[in-house]
Protein backbone atom coordinates (compact mmCIF):
# COMPACT_ATOMS: atom_id res chain seq x y z
CA UNK A 1 81.99 113.15 85.05
CA UNK A 2 82.48 109.96 83.09
CA UNK A 3 79.55 107.69 82.23
CA UNK A 4 78.91 104.91 84.69
CA UNK A 5 80.77 101.69 83.95
CA UNK A 6 79.74 98.17 84.93
CA UNK A 7 81.45 96.74 87.99
CA UNK A 8 81.63 93.10 89.05
CA UNK A 9 81.75 93.10 92.82
CA UNK A 10 83.02 90.50 95.31
CA UNK A 11 82.53 91.13 99.04
CA UNK A 12 84.37 89.85 102.11
CA UNK A 13 82.21 88.03 104.63
CA UNK A 14 83.34 89.94 107.72
CA UNK A 15 83.40 87.94 110.96
CA UNK A 16 81.80 90.22 113.53
CA UNK A 17 79.50 89.45 116.48
CA UNK A 18 75.96 89.84 115.05
CA UNK A 19 74.43 90.76 118.38
CA UNK A 20 76.40 94.02 118.56
CA UNK A 21 76.87 94.82 114.89
CA UNK A 22 73.61 96.78 114.57
CA UNK A 23 74.62 99.08 117.42
CA UNK A 24 77.95 100.29 116.14
CA UNK A 25 77.26 102.07 112.87
CA UNK A 26 78.91 105.39 113.47
CA UNK A 27 81.20 107.91 111.80
CA UNK A 28 84.58 109.58 112.09
CA UNK A 29 84.34 112.38 114.65
CA UNK A 30 87.16 114.25 116.30
CA UNK A 31 89.35 113.61 113.27
CA UNK A 32 90.51 116.09 110.66
CA UNK A 33 89.59 116.71 107.06
CA UNK A 34 91.81 114.50 104.90
CA UNK A 35 94.41 116.35 102.90
CA UNK A 36 93.56 116.60 99.18
CA UNK A 37 95.10 113.74 97.14
CA UNK A 38 96.25 111.95 100.33
CA UNK A 39 93.74 109.08 100.04
CA UNK A 40 93.43 108.29 96.30
CA UNK A 41 92.52 104.66 97.06
CA UNK A 42 89.27 105.56 98.86
CA UNK A 43 85.95 104.51 97.35
CA UNK A 44 82.49 105.81 98.25
CA UNK A 45 79.75 103.16 97.96
CA UNK A 46 76.25 104.57 97.45
CA UNK A 47 73.47 102.09 98.22
CA UNK A 48 69.68 102.07 98.27
CA UNK A 49 67.64 104.38 100.53
CA UNK A 50 70.61 106.75 100.95
CA UNK A 51 72.75 104.16 102.73
CA UNK A 52 76.46 104.25 102.04
CA UNK A 53 79.76 102.60 102.98
CA UNK A 54 83.45 103.09 102.49
CA UNK A 55 85.74 100.93 100.40
CA UNK A 56 89.17 100.99 98.77
CA UNK A 57 90.75 100.28 95.40
CA UNK A 58 93.23 97.37 95.50
CA UNK A 59 93.70 96.83 91.75
CA UNK A 60 92.52 98.72 88.64
CA UNK A 61 89.41 96.53 88.48
CA UNK A 62 88.94 95.54 92.13
CA UNK A 63 87.50 97.40 95.14
CA UNK A 64 87.34 95.97 98.67
CA UNK A 65 84.69 96.62 101.33
CA UNK A 66 82.92 95.01 104.29
CA UNK A 67 80.18 92.38 103.96
CA UNK A 68 77.70 94.62 105.81
CA UNK A 69 77.54 96.80 102.70
CA UNK A 70 75.95 93.90 100.80
CA UNK A 71 72.72 94.74 102.65
CA UNK A 72 72.49 98.04 100.77
CA UNK A 73 72.82 96.77 97.20
CA UNK A 74 72.50 97.77 94.43
CA UNK A 75 75.68 99.75 94.97
CA UNK A 76 77.31 102.48 92.95
CA UNK A 77 81.05 103.05 93.45
CA UNK A 78 82.61 106.52 93.22
CA UNK A 79 86.39 106.89 93.00
CA UNK A 80 88.37 110.12 93.16
CA UNK A 81 85.99 112.01 95.47
CA UNK A 82 87.08 114.43 98.17
CA UNK A 83 83.83 116.38 98.61
CA UNK A 84 81.14 113.73 98.08
CA UNK A 85 78.39 116.37 97.88
CA UNK A 86 79.99 118.14 94.93
CA UNK A 87 80.26 116.21 91.64
CA UNK A 88 83.53 116.83 89.87
CA UNK A 89 85.09 115.82 86.55
CA UNK A 90 87.74 113.77 88.36
CA UNK A 91 85.14 111.32 89.71
CA UNK A 92 85.12 107.82 88.24
CA UNK A 93 81.73 106.18 88.78
CA UNK A 94 80.97 102.47 88.44
CA UNK A 95 77.73 100.55 88.66
CA UNK A 96 78.03 97.19 90.45
CA UNK A 97 76.99 94.41 88.13
CA UNK A 98 77.56 91.25 90.21
CA UNK A 99 78.21 90.45 93.88
CA UNK A 100 80.36 87.67 95.34
CA UNK A 101 80.40 87.12 99.10
CA UNK A 102 83.52 86.13 101.00
CA UNK A 103 86.69 88.22 101.21
CA UNK A 104 85.83 91.83 100.46
CA UNK A 105 86.05 92.79 96.81
CA UNK A 106 84.60 94.15 93.63
CA UNK A 107 85.87 93.55 90.18
CA UNK A 108 85.43 96.29 87.61
CA UNK A 109 84.20 95.52 84.12
CA UNK A 110 86.63 98.01 82.68
CA UNK A 111 89.48 99.39 84.76
CA UNK A 112 89.72 102.44 86.99
CA UNK A 113 92.08 105.02 85.52
CA UNK A 114 95.07 105.72 87.75
CA UNK A 115 95.80 109.43 88.27
CA UNK A 116 96.42 111.91 91.11
CA UNK A 117 92.89 111.33 92.44
CA UNK A 118 92.51 107.55 91.95
CA UNK A 119 95.17 104.98 92.85
CA UNK A 120 95.33 101.48 94.28
CA UNK A 121 96.64 100.58 97.73
CA UNK A 122 98.77 97.52 98.56
CA UNK A 123 97.56 94.87 100.98
CA UNK A 124 99.40 93.73 104.12
CA UNK A 125 100.26 90.05 103.52
CA UNK A 126 102.11 89.08 106.71
CA UNK A 127 100.27 87.99 109.87
CA UNK A 128 102.80 89.57 112.26
CA UNK A 129 101.77 93.19 111.89
CA UNK A 130 103.18 94.72 115.09
CA UNK A 131 101.62 97.82 116.64
CA UNK A 132 102.02 100.70 114.21
CA UNK A 133 100.07 103.94 114.30
CA UNK A 134 97.48 103.84 111.53
CA UNK A 135 94.73 105.93 109.95
CA UNK A 136 91.11 105.35 108.98
CA UNK A 137 89.19 107.59 106.57
CA UNK A 138 85.55 108.08 105.61
CA UNK A 139 82.71 110.42 104.76
CA UNK A 140 80.41 110.20 107.74
CA UNK A 141 77.15 109.33 109.48
CA UNK A 142 73.46 109.00 108.51
CA UNK A 143 74.00 111.55 105.76
CA UNK A 144 77.54 111.85 104.40
CA UNK A 145 79.84 114.60 105.55
CA UNK A 146 80.79 116.67 102.53
CA UNK A 147 84.53 116.19 102.88
CA UNK A 148 86.60 113.05 103.37
CA UNK A 149 87.89 112.91 106.97
CA UNK A 150 90.53 110.80 108.68
CA UNK A 151 91.55 109.90 112.22
CA UNK A 152 94.56 108.17 113.81
CA UNK A 153 94.33 104.83 115.62
CA UNK A 154 96.86 102.46 117.22
CA UNK A 155 96.78 98.66 116.79
CA UNK A 156 96.55 96.72 120.08
CA UNK A 157 97.87 93.26 120.94
CA UNK A 158 95.36 90.40 120.69
CA UNK A 159 95.53 89.85 124.46
CA UNK A 160 94.54 93.47 125.07
CA UNK A 161 91.68 93.13 122.59
CA UNK A 162 90.38 90.03 124.40
CA UNK A 163 90.57 91.80 127.76
CA UNK A 164 88.55 94.69 126.36
CA UNK A 165 86.04 92.52 124.53
CA UNK A 166 86.05 88.75 125.37
CA UNK A 167 84.14 88.02 122.14
CA UNK A 168 87.01 89.33 120.03
CA UNK A 169 86.56 87.47 116.69
CA UNK A 170 89.21 85.36 114.99
CA UNK A 171 91.09 86.99 112.08
CA UNK A 172 90.39 90.44 113.51
CA UNK A 173 92.38 93.53 114.50
CA UNK A 174 91.40 95.99 117.21
CA UNK A 175 92.61 99.55 117.64
CA UNK A 176 92.37 102.40 120.10
CA UNK A 177 91.37 105.80 118.74
CA UNK A 178 93.10 109.07 119.50
CA UNK A 179 89.66 110.64 120.15
CA UNK A 180 86.65 108.98 121.86
CA UNK A 181 83.80 108.14 119.49
CA UNK A 182 86.05 108.72 116.48
CA UNK A 183 84.69 106.04 114.12
CA UNK A 184 81.09 105.72 113.07
CA UNK A 185 78.52 104.50 110.51
CA UNK A 186 79.38 105.44 106.94
CA UNK A 187 83.05 104.62 107.52
CA UNK A 188 82.35 100.87 107.62
CA UNK A 189 84.17 99.07 104.80
CA UNK A 190 87.03 101.55 104.68
CA UNK A 191 90.67 100.44 105.08
CA UNK A 192 92.82 100.42 108.18
CA UNK A 193 95.97 101.91 106.65
CA UNK A 194 99.37 101.41 108.28
CA UNK A 195 102.77 102.00 106.65
CA UNK A 196 100.99 102.80 103.37
CA UNK A 197 99.27 99.39 103.24
CA UNK A 198 95.73 98.20 103.95
CA UNK A 199 95.87 96.00 107.05
CA UNK A 200 92.16 95.60 107.73
CA UNK A 201 88.56 96.46 106.85
CA UNK A 202 86.63 98.57 109.35
CA UNK A 203 83.66 96.62 110.77
CA UNK A 204 82.37 98.09 114.06
CA UNK A 205 83.32 99.87 117.29
CA UNK A 206 83.21 98.84 120.93
CA UNK A 207 82.53 101.66 123.43
CA UNK A 208 83.97 105.10 122.70
CA UNK A 209 87.61 104.15 122.17
CA UNK A 210 88.00 100.79 120.42
CA UNK A 211 87.35 99.73 116.82
CA UNK A 212 87.42 96.31 115.18
CA UNK A 213 88.51 95.30 111.68
CA UNK A 214 88.66 92.14 109.62
CA UNK A 215 92.35 91.36 109.12
CA UNK A 216 93.25 91.11 105.43
CA UNK A 217 96.34 88.88 105.66
CA UNK A 218 94.48 85.58 106.48
CA UNK A 219 92.53 85.96 103.21
CA UNK A 220 95.42 86.72 100.86
CA UNK A 221 95.40 83.26 99.22
CA UNK A 222 91.66 83.51 98.57
CA UNK A 223 92.02 87.05 97.29
CA UNK A 224 94.82 86.12 94.88
CA UNK A 225 92.88 83.13 93.54
CA UNK A 226 89.68 85.15 92.96
CA UNK A 227 91.47 88.06 91.30
CA UNK A 228 93.30 85.69 88.93
CA UNK A 229 90.15 83.75 87.98
């Protein structure tokens, strides 16, 4: 495994209802083990006291996650992992050097090396996203599941989201899972992936079927300006 590199991190301030956020830290259940090499953009964020989050690589020196993960700093970022409980030579590990709060990112001091195990993912830039079938991936609950897992979800219309949860936040996406209770704790910060693009950042769930994400497209201008600075 390579020596740890310094990472300059910027985090998205996710808009989620604080009164329910503490309750919905779950994990992916009822999903399947992710196919090897199928999610090379996934990042595992190890925090203090064995807390962890998901994240995703959006440029060679930038990783995106949810603002909740800021609570667990200092963070270490691992790229290229499939089995998080088994260290492998393909891992690329980065220490977070600096944190910036607002749209979800980290900037690497030094770049991630693109290969079969580590690659970036494009961001969805249009607001009109439709209702595609999507996937969410992660490593698990209070202690991480060994293997990266994934589950399928379907994006719902905003009106449906409001009917389900009247406090549906602005600049958010909600989905319905294929399995009840599919998304849980350590998966927070991972990407909602549709049509091979990151549409949102997983934030929390509402009852057994519905999950909520910060939509990425409203923050594209901010993201571009920060990454160019």
